[in-house]
């Protein structure tokens, strides 16, 4: 687990053995069981999540219906808005499958930035990449038809098709599970 995190970090900065030891001593690794809720609507948290293995999702509960807005898989992170603005969460974060994650906090981040300033540089780069990706995802959602969104998902994140329950995938695409089934049938018939 630790090596996966070290390899990811090494894409941005070089770690000394001391820095690696500090990361290990932080004891940030956790397991999350399939279906486990990591954050509920209305809760406040300082926790950020980073997926080492598995899949977590972000979703809203609107009139009793789940509306999935994001899936985060290996080497992707989630920083809930409430970490930044200190308000209650407006959404849920839960494990789609048994997962190994790191759980950090803003306090832990600040301490790391003070001790090792290059971590702040890394976090800035990662945040910029994530922001750009989320912006493109939102643009795609707005301009593509549901079928085009599904085809885009097949191209960019084919693993999700097998890993995520159909009702969650449909919600993410903005369609009903029945519409997703018909869409898949049409696409399979064309191929």
N, C-alpha and C. Protein backbone atom coordinates (compact mmCIF):
# COMPACT_ATOMS: atom_id res chain seq x y z
N UNK A 1 0.82 -1.20 0.00
CA UNK A 1 0.00 0.00 0.00
C UNK A 1 0.86 1.26 0.00
N UNK A 2 1.84 1.25 0.88
CA UNK A 2 2.69 2.43 1.00
C UNK A 2 3.43 2.71 -0.30
N UNK A 3 3.91 1.65 -0.95
CA UNK A 3 4.68 1.84 -2.17
C UNK A 3 3.83 2.44 -3.28
N UNK A 4 2.55 2.06 -3.34
CA UNK A 4 1.65 2.64 -4.34
C UNK A 4 1.56 4.15 -4.13
N UNK A 5 1.43 4.57 -2.88
CA UNK A 5 1.36 6.00 -2.57
C UNK A 5 2.68 6.69 -2.90
N UNK A 6 3.80 6.07 -2.54
CA UNK A 6 5.11 6.65 -2.83
C UNK A 6 5.32 6.80 -4.34
N UNK A 7 4.91 5.78 -5.10
CA UNK A 7 5.06 5.84 -6.55
C UNK A 7 4.23 6.98 -7.14
N UNK A 8 3.02 7.16 -6.62
CA UNK A 8 2.16 8.25 -7.09
C UNK A 8 2.81 9.60 -6.79
N UNK A 9 3.26 9.77 -5.57
CA UNK A 9 3.89 11.04 -5.16
C UNK A 9 5.14 11.32 -6.00
N UNK A 10 5.87 10.26 -6.35
CA UNK A 10 7.12 10.44 -7.09
C UNK A 10 6.88 10.97 -8.51
N UNK A 11 5.63 10.94 -8.99
CA UNK A 11 5.32 11.56 -10.28
C UNK A 11 5.43 13.08 -10.19
N UNK A 12 5.36 13.60 -8.98
CA UNK A 12 5.35 15.05 -8.76
C UNK A 12 6.60 15.56 -8.06
N UNK A 13 7.05 14.82 -7.05
CA UNK A 13 8.23 15.24 -6.28
C UNK A 13 9.03 14.01 -5.87
N UNK A 14 10.30 14.22 -5.57
CA UNK A 14 11.14 13.14 -5.05
C UNK A 14 11.04 13.11 -3.54
N UNK A 15 10.90 11.91 -2.99
CA UNK A 15 10.81 11.75 -1.54
C UNK A 15 12.11 11.21 -0.97
N UNK A 16 12.53 11.78 0.14
CA UNK A 16 13.66 11.23 0.87
C UNK A 16 13.14 10.10 1.76
N UNK A 17 14.04 9.33 2.29
CA UNK A 17 13.64 8.25 3.21
C UNK A 17 12.97 8.82 4.46
N UNK A 18 13.47 9.96 4.94
CA UNK A 18 12.84 10.62 6.10
C UNK A 18 11.40 11.00 5.80
N UNK A 19 11.17 11.55 4.62
CA UNK A 19 9.80 11.94 4.24
C UNK A 19 8.90 10.73 4.13
N UNK A 20 9.43 9.65 3.57
CA UNK A 20 8.64 8.41 3.48
C UNK A 20 8.27 7.91 4.88
N UNK A 21 9.24 7.96 5.79
CA UNK A 21 8.98 7.50 7.15
C UNK A 21 7.93 8.36 7.85
N UNK A 22 7.98 9.66 7.61
CA UNK A 22 6.97 10.55 8.20
C UNK A 22 5.59 10.19 7.68
N UNK A 23 5.49 9.94 6.37
CA UNK A 23 4.19 9.55 5.79
C UNK A 23 3.68 8.25 6.41
N UNK A 24 4.55 7.29 6.59
CA UNK A 24 4.15 6.01 7.18
C UNK A 24 3.70 6.23 8.62
N UNK A 25 4.42 7.08 9.36
CA UNK A 25 4.07 7.34 10.76
C UNK A 25 2.73 8.05 10.92
N UNK A 26 2.26 8.71 9.88
CA UNK A 26 0.97 9.41 9.97
C UNK A 26 -0.20 8.43 10.09
N UNK A 27 0.02 7.17 9.73
CA UNK A 27 -1.00 6.13 9.87
C UNK A 27 -2.31 6.55 9.19
N UNK A 28 -2.22 6.83 7.88
CA UNK A 28 -3.37 7.34 7.15
C UNK A 28 -4.15 6.27 6.40
N UNK A 29 -3.64 5.05 6.34
CA UNK A 29 -4.29 4.01 5.56
C UNK A 29 -5.49 3.43 6.29
N UNK A 30 -6.59 3.29 5.58
CA UNK A 30 -7.83 2.73 6.14
C UNK A 30 -8.46 1.80 5.10
N UNK A 31 -9.29 0.89 5.60
CA UNK A 31 -10.11 0.10 4.68
C UNK A 31 -11.54 0.60 4.79
N UNK A 32 -12.24 0.51 3.69
CA UNK A 32 -13.66 0.88 3.66
C UNK A 32 -14.39 -0.28 2.99
N UNK A 33 -15.39 -0.79 3.65
CA UNK A 33 -16.17 -1.90 3.11
C UNK A 33 -17.17 -1.38 2.07
N UNK A 34 -17.50 -2.23 1.13
CA UNK A 34 -18.50 -1.90 0.11
C UNK A 34 -19.76 -1.39 0.79
N UNK A 35 -20.22 -0.22 0.35
CA UNK A 35 -21.43 0.38 0.91
C UNK A 35 -21.20 1.27 2.12
N UNK A 36 -19.99 1.25 2.67
CA UNK A 36 -19.70 2.07 3.84
C UNK A 36 -19.75 3.56 3.48
N UNK A 37 -20.45 4.31 4.29
CA UNK A 37 -20.55 5.76 4.06
C UNK A 37 -19.41 6.45 4.79
N UNK A 38 -18.61 7.18 4.05
CA UNK A 38 -17.46 7.89 4.60
C UNK A 38 -17.82 9.30 5.04
N UNK A 39 -18.85 9.86 4.41
CA UNK A 39 -19.32 11.19 4.75
C UNK A 39 -20.80 11.26 4.41
N UNK A 40 -21.58 11.84 5.32
CA UNK A 40 -23.02 11.99 5.10
C UNK A 40 -23.37 13.45 4.88
N UNK A 41 -24.45 13.65 4.15
CA UNK A 41 -24.98 14.99 3.99
C UNK A 41 -25.26 15.57 5.39
N UNK A 42 -24.89 16.83 5.59
CA UNK A 42 -25.12 17.49 6.88
C UNK A 42 -23.96 17.39 7.84
N UNK A 43 -23.04 16.46 7.61
CA UNK A 43 -21.88 16.32 8.50
C UNK A 43 -20.80 17.33 8.11
N UNK A 44 -19.99 17.68 9.09
CA UNK A 44 -18.79 18.48 8.83
C UNK A 44 -17.60 17.55 8.98
N UNK A 45 -16.56 17.80 8.20
CA UNK A 45 -15.37 16.97 8.29
C UNK A 45 -14.15 17.76 7.86
N UNK A 46 -13.01 17.32 8.34
CA UNK A 46 -11.72 17.82 7.86
C UNK A 46 -11.03 16.76 7.01
N UNK A 47 -11.71 15.62 6.81
CA UNK A 47 -11.09 14.48 6.13
C UNK A 47 -11.10 14.60 4.62
N UNK A 48 -9.95 14.27 4.04
CA UNK A 48 -9.82 14.12 2.60
C UNK A 48 -9.54 12.64 2.34
N UNK A 49 -9.91 12.16 1.18
CA UNK A 49 -9.77 10.74 0.86
C UNK A 49 -8.96 10.57 -0.41
N UNK A 50 -8.13 9.54 -0.42
CA UNK A 50 -7.33 9.21 -1.61
C UNK A 50 -7.41 7.70 -1.78
N UNK A 51 -7.83 7.26 -2.95
CA UNK A 51 -8.05 5.83 -3.19
C UNK A 51 -6.74 5.16 -3.61
N UNK A 52 -6.33 4.19 -2.82
CA UNK A 52 -5.18 3.36 -3.17
C UNK A 52 -5.67 2.17 -4.00
N UNK A 53 -6.75 1.55 -3.54
CA UNK A 53 -7.34 0.41 -4.25
C UNK A 53 -8.85 0.47 -4.00
N UNK A 54 -9.63 0.33 -5.06
CA UNK A 54 -11.07 0.32 -4.89
C UNK A 54 -11.74 1.48 -5.61
N UNK A 55 -12.96 1.79 -5.17
CA UNK A 55 -13.76 2.82 -5.81
C UNK A 55 -14.68 3.46 -4.78
N UNK A 56 -14.68 4.79 -4.74
CA UNK A 56 -15.63 5.52 -3.90
C UNK A 56 -16.41 6.46 -4.80
N UNK A 57 -17.58 6.83 -4.34
CA UNK A 57 -18.40 7.73 -5.15
C UNK A 57 -18.93 8.87 -4.30
N UNK A 58 -19.26 9.94 -4.99
CA UNK A 58 -19.89 11.11 -4.40
C UNK A 58 -21.30 11.17 -4.96
N UNK A 59 -22.28 11.37 -4.07
CA UNK A 59 -23.66 11.45 -4.55
C UNK A 59 -24.52 12.31 -3.64
N UNK A 60 -25.59 12.84 -4.22
CA UNK A 60 -26.59 13.60 -3.50
C UNK A 60 -27.81 12.71 -3.31
N UNK A 61 -28.55 12.96 -2.27
CA UNK A 61 -29.82 12.27 -2.05
C UNK A 61 -30.91 13.33 -2.23
N UNK A 62 -31.65 13.23 -3.34
CA UNK A 62 -32.66 14.22 -3.68
C UNK A 62 -34.01 13.52 -3.77
N UNK A 63 -34.93 13.91 -2.89
CA UNK A 63 -36.25 13.28 -2.84
C UNK A 63 -36.14 11.76 -2.77
N UNK A 64 -35.20 11.28 -1.97
CA UNK A 64 -35.03 9.84 -1.77
C UNK A 64 -34.29 9.13 -2.89
N UNK A 65 -33.86 9.86 -3.91
CA UNK A 65 -33.16 9.25 -5.05
C UNK A 65 -31.70 9.69 -5.06
N UNK A 66 -30.80 8.72 -5.23
CA UNK A 66 -29.37 9.02 -5.28
C UNK A 66 -29.00 9.57 -6.65
N UNK A 67 -28.25 10.67 -6.64
CA UNK A 67 -27.75 11.30 -7.87
C UNK A 67 -26.23 11.30 -7.80
N UNK A 68 -25.60 10.36 -8.48
CA UNK A 68 -24.15 10.20 -8.45
C UNK A 68 -23.48 11.28 -9.29
N UNK A 69 -22.49 11.94 -8.70
CA UNK A 69 -21.78 13.00 -9.42
C UNK A 69 -20.34 12.66 -9.75
N UNK A 70 -19.76 11.67 -9.06
CA UNK A 70 -18.36 11.32 -9.34
C UNK A 70 -18.03 9.94 -8.80
N UNK A 71 -17.13 9.28 -9.51
CA UNK A 71 -16.50 8.04 -9.04
C UNK A 71 -15.01 8.32 -8.95
N UNK A 72 -14.39 7.88 -7.88
CA UNK A 72 -12.95 8.02 -7.73
C UNK A 72 -12.38 6.62 -7.53
N UNK A 73 -11.43 6.27 -8.40
CA UNK A 73 -10.81 4.96 -8.33
C UNK A 73 -9.32 5.13 -8.02
N UNK A 74 -8.55 4.09 -8.26
CA UNK A 74 -7.15 4.08 -7.88
C UNK A 74 -6.43 5.37 -8.28
N UNK A 75 -5.73 5.90 -7.30
CA UNK A 75 -4.89 7.08 -7.44
C UNK A 75 -5.67 8.35 -7.76
N UNK A 76 -6.91 8.38 -7.25
CA UNK A 76 -7.73 9.60 -7.35
C UNK A 76 -8.17 9.99 -5.95
N UNK A 77 -8.35 11.28 -5.76
CA UNK A 77 -8.70 11.78 -4.44
C UNK A 77 -10.02 12.51 -4.42
N UNK A 78 -10.55 12.66 -3.22
CA UNK A 78 -11.77 13.43 -2.99
C UNK A 78 -11.51 14.37 -1.82
N UNK A 79 -11.66 15.65 -2.08
CA UNK A 79 -11.63 16.64 -1.02
C UNK A 79 -13.01 17.25 -0.93
N UNK A 80 -13.81 16.83 0.04
CA UNK A 80 -15.17 17.37 0.16
C UNK A 80 -15.14 18.89 0.34
N UNK A 81 -16.13 19.55 -0.23
CA UNK A 81 -16.20 21.01 -0.15
C UNK A 81 -16.19 21.49 1.30
N UNK A 82 -16.73 20.69 2.22
CA UNK A 82 -16.82 21.12 3.61
C UNK A 82 -15.45 21.20 4.29
N UNK A 83 -14.45 20.55 3.72
CA UNK A 83 -13.09 20.67 4.25
C UNK A 83 -12.60 22.10 4.02
N UNK A 84 -12.97 22.65 2.89
CA UNK A 84 -12.48 23.97 2.51
C UNK A 84 -13.33 25.09 3.10
N UNK A 85 -14.66 24.95 2.99
CA UNK A 85 -15.51 26.06 3.44
C UNK A 85 -16.10 25.88 4.84
N UNK A 86 -15.76 24.76 5.49
CA UNK A 86 -16.16 24.49 6.89
C UNK A 86 -17.68 24.43 7.10
N UNK A 87 -18.42 24.24 6.01
CA UNK A 87 -19.88 24.13 6.11
C UNK A 87 -20.27 22.65 6.16
N UNK A 88 -21.50 22.35 6.51
CA UNK A 88 -21.95 20.95 6.48
C UNK A 88 -21.91 20.42 5.03
N UNK A 89 -21.63 19.15 4.89
CA UNK A 89 -21.58 18.55 3.56
C UNK A 89 -22.95 18.57 2.91
N UNK A 90 -22.96 18.80 1.62
CA UNK A 90 -24.22 18.77 0.87
C UNK A 90 -24.42 17.42 0.20
N UNK A 91 -23.42 16.55 0.29
CA UNK A 91 -23.51 15.25 -0.38
C UNK A 91 -22.91 14.14 0.47
N UNK A 92 -23.00 12.93 -0.07
CA UNK A 92 -22.47 11.73 0.57
C UNK A 92 -21.22 11.27 -0.17
N UNK A 93 -20.35 10.58 0.55
CA UNK A 93 -19.22 9.88 -0.05
C UNK A 93 -19.28 8.46 0.51
N UNK A 94 -19.27 7.47 -0.38
CA UNK A 94 -19.33 6.08 0.09
C UNK A 94 -18.47 5.19 -0.78
N UNK A 95 -18.18 3.99 -0.26
CA UNK A 95 -17.38 3.01 -0.98
C UNK A 95 -18.29 2.19 -1.89
N UNK A 96 -17.94 2.12 -3.15
CA UNK A 96 -18.68 1.33 -4.12
C UNK A 96 -18.27 -0.13 -4.01
N UNK A 97 -17.02 -0.35 -3.64
CA UNK A 97 -16.48 -1.70 -3.44
C UNK A 97 -15.51 -1.65 -2.27
N UNK A 98 -15.13 -2.81 -1.76
CA UNK A 98 -14.13 -2.82 -0.70
C UNK A 98 -12.92 -2.03 -1.18
N UNK A 99 -12.46 -1.09 -0.38
CA UNK A 99 -11.43 -0.16 -0.81
C UNK A 99 -10.36 0.03 0.25
N UNK A 100 -9.19 0.39 -0.21
CA UNK A 100 -8.11 0.84 0.67
C UNK A 100 -7.89 2.31 0.32
N UNK A 101 -8.02 3.15 1.32
CA UNK A 101 -7.91 4.59 1.10
C UNK A 101 -6.95 5.19 2.11
N UNK A 102 -6.51 6.39 1.80
CA UNK A 102 -5.83 7.18 2.83
C UNK A 102 -6.83 8.24 3.27
N UNK A 103 -6.78 8.54 4.55
CA UNK A 103 -7.64 9.59 5.10
C UNK A 103 -6.72 10.62 5.73
N UNK A 104 -6.75 11.80 5.17
CA UNK A 104 -5.93 12.89 5.68
C UNK A 104 -6.83 13.99 6.23
N UNK A 105 -6.21 15.02 6.72
CA UNK A 105 -6.98 16.16 7.23
C UNK A 105 -6.25 17.44 6.88
N UNK A 106 -6.97 18.54 6.94
CA UNK A 106 -6.34 19.83 6.64
C UNK A 106 -5.26 20.15 7.66
N UNK A 107 -5.46 19.75 8.92
CA UNK A 107 -4.43 19.98 9.94
C UNK A 107 -3.16 19.19 9.61
N UNK A 108 -3.34 17.95 9.19
CA UNK A 108 -2.20 17.11 8.82
C UNK A 108 -1.48 17.71 7.62
N UNK A 109 -2.25 18.21 6.66
CA UNK A 109 -1.68 18.85 5.48
C UNK A 109 -0.83 20.05 5.86
N UNK A 110 -1.37 20.90 6.72
CA UNK A 110 -0.63 22.10 7.15
C UNK A 110 0.69 21.73 7.82
N UNK A 111 0.65 20.72 8.66
CA UNK A 111 1.87 20.26 9.34
C UNK A 111 2.89 19.76 8.32
N UNK A 112 2.41 18.99 7.32
CA UNK A 112 3.32 18.48 6.30
C UNK A 112 3.90 19.62 5.47
N UNK A 113 3.08 20.63 5.15
CA UNK A 113 3.56 21.76 4.36
C UNK A 113 4.65 22.52 5.11
N UNK A 114 4.48 22.66 6.42
CA UNK A 114 5.50 23.35 7.23
C UNK A 114 6.80 22.57 7.27
N UNK A 115 6.69 21.27 7.49
CA UNK A 115 7.89 20.43 7.60
C UNK A 115 8.55 20.18 6.26
N UNK A 116 7.73 20.01 5.21
CA UNK A 116 8.23 19.66 3.88
C UNK A 116 7.51 20.53 2.84
N UNK A 117 8.02 21.72 2.59
CA UNK A 117 7.34 22.66 1.67
C UNK A 117 7.06 22.10 0.28
N UNK A 118 7.84 21.13 -0.16
CA UNK A 118 7.61 20.61 -1.51
C UNK A 118 6.28 19.85 -1.61
N UNK A 119 5.72 19.41 -0.48
CA UNK A 119 4.40 18.76 -0.50
C UNK A 119 3.33 19.76 -0.92
N UNK A 120 3.50 21.00 -0.54
CA UNK A 120 2.52 22.02 -0.94
C UNK A 120 2.56 22.23 -2.45
N UNK A 121 3.75 22.19 -3.01
CA UNK A 121 3.90 22.32 -4.47
C UNK A 121 3.21 21.15 -5.15
N UNK A 122 3.41 19.95 -4.62
CA UNK A 122 2.78 18.77 -5.19
C UNK A 122 1.25 18.88 -5.11
N UNK A 123 0.75 19.26 -3.95
CA UNK A 123 -0.71 19.37 -3.77
C UNK A 123 -1.30 20.41 -4.71
N UNK A 124 -0.57 21.48 -4.94
CA UNK A 124 -1.04 22.51 -5.88
C UNK A 124 -1.16 21.93 -7.28
N UNK A 125 -0.15 21.18 -7.71
CA UNK A 125 -0.18 20.56 -9.04
C UNK A 125 -1.34 19.57 -9.16
N UNK A 126 -1.51 18.74 -8.15
CA UNK A 126 -2.59 17.74 -8.16
C UNK A 126 -3.94 18.44 -8.20
N UNK A 127 -4.09 19.50 -7.40
CA UNK A 127 -5.36 20.24 -7.37
C UNK A 127 -5.66 20.87 -8.71
N UNK A 128 -4.64 21.43 -9.35
CA UNK A 128 -4.84 22.04 -10.67
C UNK A 128 -5.28 21.00 -11.68
N UNK A 129 -4.64 19.82 -11.66
CA UNK A 129 -5.01 18.74 -12.58
C UNK A 129 -6.45 18.30 -12.34
N UNK A 130 -6.81 18.12 -11.07
CA UNK A 130 -8.16 17.68 -10.73
C UNK A 130 -9.20 18.72 -11.15
N UNK A 131 -8.91 19.99 -10.90
CA UNK A 131 -9.84 21.05 -11.28
C UNK A 131 -10.05 21.06 -12.80
N UNK A 132 -8.98 20.94 -13.56
CA UNK A 132 -9.09 20.92 -15.03
C UNK A 132 -9.91 19.71 -15.49
N UNK A 133 -9.67 18.56 -14.89
CA UNK A 133 -10.40 17.35 -15.25
C UNK A 133 -11.89 17.49 -14.93
N UNK A 134 -12.19 17.99 -13.74
CA UNK A 134 -13.60 18.16 -13.34
C UNK A 134 -14.31 19.17 -14.26
N UNK A 135 -13.58 20.21 -14.67
CA UNK A 135 -14.17 21.20 -15.57
C UNK A 135 -14.53 20.55 -16.91
N UNK A 136 -13.61 19.74 -17.46
CA UNK A 136 -13.89 19.06 -18.72
C UNK A 136 -15.04 18.07 -18.57
N UNK A 137 -15.07 17.35 -17.44
CA UNK A 137 -16.17 16.41 -17.19
C UNK A 137 -17.51 17.13 -17.16
N UNK A 138 -17.56 18.28 -16.49
CA UNK A 138 -18.80 19.05 -16.43
C UNK A 138 -19.20 19.57 -17.81
N UNK A 139 -18.23 20.03 -18.57
CA UNK A 139 -18.51 20.49 -19.93
C UNK A 139 -19.10 19.35 -20.76
N UNK A 140 -18.48 18.17 -20.68
CA UNK A 140 -18.99 17.01 -21.43
C UNK A 140 -20.41 16.68 -21.01
N UNK A 141 -20.68 16.72 -19.73
CA UNK A 141 -22.02 16.39 -19.26
C UNK A 141 -23.04 17.35 -19.83
N UNK A 142 -22.66 18.61 -19.96
CA UNK A 142 -23.59 19.62 -20.46
C UNK A 142 -23.81 19.54 -21.97
N UNK A 143 -22.76 19.20 -22.73
CA UNK A 143 -22.88 19.29 -24.18
C UNK A 143 -23.14 17.96 -24.89
N UNK A 144 -22.89 16.83 -24.23
CA UNK A 144 -23.08 15.54 -24.88
C UNK A 144 -24.44 14.95 -24.56
N UNK A 145 -24.95 14.17 -25.48
CA UNK A 145 -26.20 13.44 -25.22
C UNK A 145 -25.88 12.29 -24.25
N UNK A 146 -26.90 11.71 -23.63
CA UNK A 146 -26.63 10.57 -22.74
C UNK A 146 -25.86 9.44 -23.42
N UNK A 147 -26.20 9.15 -24.67
CA UNK A 147 -25.48 8.08 -25.37
C UNK A 147 -24.02 8.47 -25.61
N UNK A 148 -23.78 9.73 -25.96
CA UNK A 148 -22.41 10.20 -26.16
C UNK A 148 -21.63 10.15 -24.84
N UNK A 149 -22.31 10.48 -23.73
CA UNK A 149 -21.65 10.41 -22.42
C UNK A 149 -21.26 8.97 -22.11
N UNK A 150 -22.14 8.03 -22.41
CA UNK A 150 -21.84 6.62 -22.17
C UNK A 150 -20.66 6.17 -23.03
N UNK A 151 -20.66 6.55 -24.31
CA UNK A 151 -19.55 6.19 -25.20
C UNK A 151 -18.24 6.80 -24.72
N UNK A 152 -18.30 8.03 -24.23
CA UNK A 152 -17.12 8.69 -23.69
C UNK A 152 -16.61 7.94 -22.46
N UNK A 153 -17.54 7.53 -21.61
CA UNK A 153 -17.18 6.75 -20.43
C UNK A 153 -16.54 5.42 -20.83
N UNK A 154 -17.10 4.76 -21.84
CA UNK A 154 -16.52 3.51 -22.35
C UNK A 154 -15.08 3.72 -22.81
N UNK A 155 -14.85 4.86 -23.44
CA UNK A 155 -13.51 5.15 -23.97
C UNK A 155 -12.53 5.52 -22.86
N UNK A 156 -12.96 6.41 -21.94
CA UNK A 156 -12.05 6.97 -20.94
C UNK A 156 -11.95 6.15 -19.66
N UNK A 157 -13.06 5.51 -19.25
CA UNK A 157 -13.08 4.81 -17.96
C UNK A 157 -13.81 3.47 -18.08
N UNK A 158 -13.36 2.60 -18.98
CA UNK A 158 -14.09 1.35 -19.21
C UNK A 158 -14.19 0.47 -17.96
N UNK A 159 -13.26 0.63 -17.04
CA UNK A 159 -13.30 -0.16 -15.80
C UNK A 159 -14.58 0.09 -15.00
N UNK A 160 -15.10 1.31 -15.06
CA UNK A 160 -16.30 1.63 -14.29
C UNK A 160 -17.51 0.81 -14.74
N UNK A 161 -17.56 0.49 -16.02
CA UNK A 161 -18.70 -0.26 -16.56
C UNK A 161 -18.83 -1.60 -15.83
N UNK A 162 -17.71 -2.22 -15.50
CA UNK A 162 -17.72 -3.52 -14.82
C UNK A 162 -17.78 -3.39 -13.30
N UNK A 163 -17.30 -2.31 -12.76
CA UNK A 163 -17.13 -2.17 -11.32
C UNK A 163 -18.32 -1.56 -10.59
N UNK A 164 -19.09 -0.78 -11.30
CA UNK A 164 -20.12 0.04 -10.67
C UNK A 164 -21.50 -0.55 -10.97
N UNK A 165 -22.37 -0.64 -9.95
CA UNK A 165 -23.73 -1.12 -10.21
C UNK A 165 -24.43 -0.25 -11.26
N UNK A 166 -25.27 -0.90 -12.07
CA UNK A 166 -25.91 -0.20 -13.18
C UNK A 166 -26.72 1.01 -12.73
N UNK A 167 -27.42 0.92 -11.60
CA UNK A 167 -28.24 2.07 -11.18
C UNK A 167 -27.37 3.28 -10.81
N UNK A 168 -26.16 3.02 -10.27
CA UNK A 168 -25.25 4.13 -9.96
C UNK A 168 -24.65 4.71 -11.24
N UNK A 169 -24.33 3.83 -12.17
CA UNK A 169 -23.78 4.28 -13.45
C UNK A 169 -24.83 5.11 -14.21
N UNK A 170 -26.06 4.64 -14.20
CA UNK A 170 -27.14 5.39 -14.87
C UNK A 170 -27.30 6.77 -14.24
N UNK A 171 -27.30 6.81 -12.92
CA UNK A 171 -27.42 8.08 -12.21
C UNK A 171 -26.29 9.03 -12.60
N UNK A 172 -25.09 8.51 -12.68
CA UNK A 172 -23.91 9.30 -13.05
C UNK A 172 -24.07 9.88 -14.46
N UNK A 173 -24.68 9.10 -15.36
CA UNK A 173 -24.86 9.53 -16.74
C UNK A 173 -26.10 10.42 -16.92
N UNK A 174 -26.93 10.50 -15.86
CA UNK A 174 -28.12 11.34 -15.92
C UNK A 174 -29.29 10.67 -16.60
N UNK A 175 -29.34 9.33 -16.55
CA UNK A 175 -30.45 8.58 -17.16
C UNK A 175 -30.98 7.57 -16.15
N UNK A 176 -32.10 6.96 -16.49
CA UNK A 176 -32.65 5.89 -15.65
C UNK A 176 -31.92 4.58 -15.97
N UNK A 177 -31.95 3.61 -15.06
CA UNK A 177 -31.34 2.30 -15.36
C UNK A 177 -31.96 1.66 -16.62
N UNK A 178 -33.26 1.86 -16.83
CA UNK A 178 -33.91 1.29 -18.01
C UNK A 178 -33.37 1.94 -19.29
N UNK A 179 -33.20 3.25 -19.27
CA UNK A 179 -32.64 3.95 -20.44
C UNK A 179 -31.22 3.49 -20.71
N UNK A 180 -30.45 3.27 -19.66
CA UNK A 180 -29.08 2.78 -19.83
C UNK A 180 -29.09 1.39 -20.48
N UNK A 181 -29.99 0.53 -20.05
CA UNK A 181 -30.09 -0.81 -20.65
C UNK A 181 -30.41 -0.72 -22.14
N UNK A 182 -31.37 0.13 -22.50
CA UNK A 182 -31.74 0.30 -23.92
C UNK A 182 -30.56 0.87 -24.71
N UNK A 183 -29.86 1.83 -24.10
CA UNK A 183 -28.70 2.44 -24.75
C UNK A 183 -27.62 1.39 -25.02
N UNK A 184 -27.34 0.58 -24.02
CA UNK A 184 -26.33 -0.48 -24.18
C UNK A 184 -26.74 -1.45 -25.28
N UNK A 185 -28.02 -1.81 -25.31
CA UNK A 185 -28.51 -2.74 -26.33
C UNK A 185 -28.32 -2.16 -27.74
N UNK A 186 -28.66 -0.87 -27.90
CA UNK A 186 -28.48 -0.20 -29.20
C UNK A 186 -27.01 -0.18 -29.62
N UNK A 187 -26.15 0.15 -28.68
CA UNK A 187 -24.72 0.22 -28.99
C UNK A 187 -24.18 -1.16 -29.34
N UNK A 188 -24.57 -2.17 -28.58
CA UNK A 188 -24.11 -3.54 -28.85
C UNK A 188 -24.63 -4.02 -30.21
N UNK A 189 -25.86 -3.63 -30.56
CA UNK A 189 -26.44 -4.04 -31.86
C UNK A 189 -25.66 -3.40 -33.01
N UNK A 190 -25.23 -2.14 -32.83
CA UNK A 190 -24.45 -1.45 -33.86
C UNK A 190 -23.10 -2.12 -34.07
N UNK A 191 -22.53 -2.61 -33.00
CA UNK A 191 -21.19 -3.22 -33.06
C UNK A 191 -21.38 -4.66 -33.44
